Amino acid sequence: MFAMWLQSAAGLGNLGSLALPILFFVVLYFLMIAPNQRKQKKWQEMLGQLKTGDRVTTNGGIRGTVLTVKDDLVVLRVQPDGVKLEFVKSAIAAVTTDEQAA
């Protein structure tokens, strides 16, 4: 079946030689690019909904409670000593408040 398709593609000239790269790009888009775009959009929405009192985890693994949210900064209080740390919003990996409530 595949051999017959190759022969017919070879008979089509340039159209047949373009079919495989186009097919490869379409598969690549649906397997890699589209899921990554959905994940990025969900992460951006999560950052936009940050509020005081949320428990978050940073990319570095630091867990804390949000004290203030500014334009691109977040101030966290981390335990056990209640130290205040300032992070850029993009350093927040996940909001864990909802997970603890469940």
C-alpha atoms as a PDB file:
ATOM      1  CA  MET A   1       0.000   0.000   0.000  1.00  0.00           C
ATOM      2  CA  PHE A   2       2.767   2.407   0.996  1.00  0.00           C
ATOM      3  CA  ALA A   3       4.816   1.403  -2.043  1.00  0.00           C
ATOM      4  CA  MET A   4       1.857   2.187  -4.307  1.00  0.00           C
ATOM      5  CA  TRP A   5       1.494   5.591  -2.669  1.00  0.00           C
ATOM      6  CA  LEU A   6       5.205   6.298  -3.204  1.00  0.00           C
ATOM      7  CA  GLN A   7       4.920   5.366  -6.868  1.00  0.00           C
ATOM      8  CA  SER A   8       1.898   7.595  -7.346  1.00  0.00           C
ATOM      9  CA  ALA A   9       3.654  10.401  -5.451  1.00  0.00           C
ATOM     10  CA  ALA A  10       6.704  10.019  -7.663  1.00  0.00           C
ATOM     11  CA  GLY A  11       4.454  10.340 -10.697  1.00  0.00           C
ATOM     12  CA  LEU A  12       3.050  13.624  -9.421  1.00  0.00           C
ATOM     13  CA  GLY A  13       6.444  15.334  -9.456  1.00  0.00           C
ATOM     14  CA  ASN A  14       6.796  18.314  -7.147  1.00  0.00           C
ATOM     15  CA  LEU A  15       3.419  17.794  -5.484  1.00  0.00           C
ATOM     16  CA  GLY A  16       4.439  14.331  -4.304  1.00  0.00           C
ATOM     17  CA  SER A  17       7.759  15.523  -2.959  1.00  0.00           C
ATOM     18  CA  LEU A  18       6.018  18.221  -0.907  1.00  0.00           C
ATOM     19  CA  ALA A  19       3.441  15.873   0.612  1.00  0.00           C
ATOM     20  CA  LEU A  20       5.778  14.226   3.126  1.00  0.00           C
ATOM     21  CA  PRO A  21       7.221  17.452   4.646  1.00  0.00           C
ATOM     22  CA  ILE A  22       3.740  18.964   4.868  1.00  0.00           C
ATOM     23  CA  LEU A  23       2.407  15.830   6.538  1.00  0.00           C
ATOM     24  CA  PHE A  24       5.371  15.868   8.933  1.00  0.00           C
ATOM     25  CA  PHE A  25       4.704  19.506   9.895  1.00  0.00           C
ATOM     26  CA  VAL A  26       0.991  18.839  10.487  1.00  0.00           C
ATOM     27  CA  VAL A  27       1.774  15.891  12.768  1.00  0.00           C
ATOM     28  CA  LEU A  28       4.452  17.910  14.576  1.00  0.00           C
ATOM     29  CA  TYR A  29       1.989  20.746  15.152  1.00  0.00           C
ATOM     30  CA  PHE A  30      -0.701  18.533  16.682  1.00  0.00           C
ATOM     31  CA  LEU A  31       1.704  16.487  18.800  1.00  0.00           C
ATOM     32  CA  MET A  32       4.028  19.209  20.105  1.00  0.00           C
ATOM     33  CA  ILE A  33       3.099  22.797  19.342  1.00  0.00           C
ATOM     34  CA  ALA A  34      -0.644  22.860  20.088  1.00  0.00           C
ATOM     35  CA  PRO A  35      -0.420  21.143  23.521  1.00  0.00           C
ATOM     36  CA  ASN A  36       2.417  23.469  24.530  1.00  0.00           C
ATOM     37  CA  GLN A  37       0.369  26.524  23.529  1.00  0.00           C
ATOM     38  CA  ARG A  38      -2.578  25.291  25.629  1.00  0.00           C
ATOM     39  CA  LYS A  39      -0.285  24.716  28.620  1.00  0.00           C
ATOM     40  CA  GLN A  40       1.248  28.209  28.239  1.00  0.00           C
ATOM     41  CA  LYS A  41      -2.199  29.831  28.055  1.00  0.00           C
ATOM     42  CA  LYS A  42      -3.365  27.991  31.200  1.00  0.00           C
ATOM     43  CA  TRP A  43      -0.198  29.081  33.064  1.00  0.00           C
ATOM     44  CA  GLN A  44      -0.704  32.726  32.015  1.00  0.00           C
ATOM     45  CA  GLU A  45      -4.303  32.604  33.282  1.00  0.00           C
ATOM     46  CA  MET A  46      -3.090  31.179  36.602  1.00  0.00           C
ATOM     47  CA  LEU A  47      -0.594  34.037  36.986  1.00  0.00           C
ATOM     48  CA  GLY A  48      -3.289  36.576  36.180  1.00  0.00           C
ATOM     49  CA  GLN A  49      -5.535  35.198  38.934  1.00  0.00           C
ATOM     50  CA  LEU A  50      -2.932  35.301  41.725  1.00  0.00           C
ATOM     51  CA  LYS A  51      -4.222  36.986  44.858  1.00  0.00           C
ATOM     52  CA  THR A  52      -3.188  37.588  48.441  1.00  0.00           C
ATOM     53  CA  GLY A  53      -3.408  34.463  50.575  1.00  0.00           C
ATOM     54  CA  ASP A  54      -2.759  31.947  47.781  1.00  0.00           C
ATOM     55  CA  ARG A  55      -0.247  29.231  48.556  1.00  0.00           C
ATOM     56  CA  VAL A  56       2.194  28.859  45.666  1.00  0.00           C
ATOM     57  CA  THR A  57       5.253  26.888  44.626  1.00  0.00           C
ATOM     58  CA  THR A  58       8.074  28.546  42.694  1.00  0.00           C
ATOM     59  CA  ASN A  59      10.154  27.038  39.914  1.00  0.00           C
ATOM     60  CA  GLY A  60      12.930  26.563  42.465  1.00  0.00           C
ATOM     61  CA  GLY A  61      10.660  24.521  44.743  1.00  0.00           C
ATOM     62  CA  ILE A  62      10.089  27.202  47.385  1.00  0.00           C
ATOM     63  CA  ARG A  63       6.596  27.135  48.858  1.00  0.00           C
ATOM     64  CA  GLY A  64       5.023  30.182  50.397  1.00  0.00           C
ATOM     65  CA  THR A  65       1.954  32.330  50.876  1.00  0.00           C
ATOM     66  CA  VAL A  66       1.350  35.363  48.661  1.00  0.00           C
ATOM     67  CA  LEU A  67       1.454  38.617  50.637  1.00  0.00           C
ATOM     68  CA  THR A  68       1.276  41.150  47.806  1.00  0.00           C
ATOM     69  CA  VAL A  69       0.891  41.027  44.046  1.00  0.00           C
ATOM     70  CA  LYS A  70       2.273  43.876  41.961  1.00  0.00           C
ATOM     71  CA  ASP A  71       2.591  44.256  38.181  1.00  0.00           C
ATOM     72  CA  ASP A  72       5.317  41.669  37.654  1.00  0.00           C
ATOM     73  CA  LEU A  73       6.361  40.977  41.263  1.00  0.00           C
ATOM     74  CA  VAL A  74       5.007  38.718  43.984  1.00  0.00           C
ATOM     75  CA  VAL A  75       6.030  38.893  47.648  1.00  0.00           C
ATOM     76  CA  LEU A  76       5.872  35.522  49.427  1.00  0.00           C
ATOM     77  CA  ARG A  77       6.112  34.632  53.099  1.00  0.00           C
ATOM     78  CA  VAL A  78       7.927  31.335  53.573  1.00  0.00           C
ATOM     79  CA  GLN A  79       7.960  29.199  56.690  1.00  0.00           C
ATOM     80  CA  PRO A  80       9.237  28.348  59.291  1.00  0.00           C
ATOM     81  CA  ASP A  81      10.590  31.826  60.119  1.00  0.00           C
ATOM     82  CA  GLY A  82       8.111  33.893  58.099  1.00  0.00           C
ATOM     83  CA  VAL A  83      10.797  35.348  55.839  1.00  0.00           C
ATOM     84  CA  LYS A  84       9.470  37.589  53.054  1.00  0.00           C
ATOM     85  CA  LEU A  85      10.883  36.910  49.597  1.00  0.00           C
ATOM     86  CA  GLU A  86      10.232  38.817  46.378  1.00  0.00           C
ATOM     87  CA  PHE A  87       9.853  36.919  43.098  1.00  0.00           C
ATOM     88  CA  VAL A  88       8.960  37.825  39.547  1.00  0.00           C
ATOM     89  CA  LYS A  89       5.570  36.409  38.582  1.00  0.00           C
ATOM     90  CA  SER A  90       7.107  34.154  35.971  1.00  0.00           C
ATOM     91  CA  ALA A  91       8.917  32.259  38.763  1.00  0.00           C
ATOM     92  CA  ILE A  92       5.602  30.924  40.093  1.00  0.00           C
ATOM     93  CA  ALA A  93       5.131  27.346  38.926  1.00  0.00           C
ATOM     94  CA  ALA A  94       1.832  26.427  40.574  1.00  0.00           C
ATOM     95  CA  VAL A  95      -0.881  27.608  42.917  1.00  0.00           C
ATOM     96  CA  THR A  96      -1.401  24.950  45.589  1.00  0.00           C
ATOM     97  CA  THR A  97      -4.339  26.556  47.463  1.00  0.00           C
ATOM     98  CA  ASP A  98      -6.957  24.593  45.496  1.00  0.00           C
ATOM     99  CA  GLU A  99      -5.135  21.271  46.001  1.00  0.00           C
ATOM    100  CA  GLN A 100      -5.185  21.602  49.796  1.00  0.00           C
ATOM    101  CA  ALA A 101      -8.893  22.427  49.886  1.00  0.00           C
ATOM    102  CA  ALA A 102      -9.796  19.254  47.986  1.00  0.00           C
END
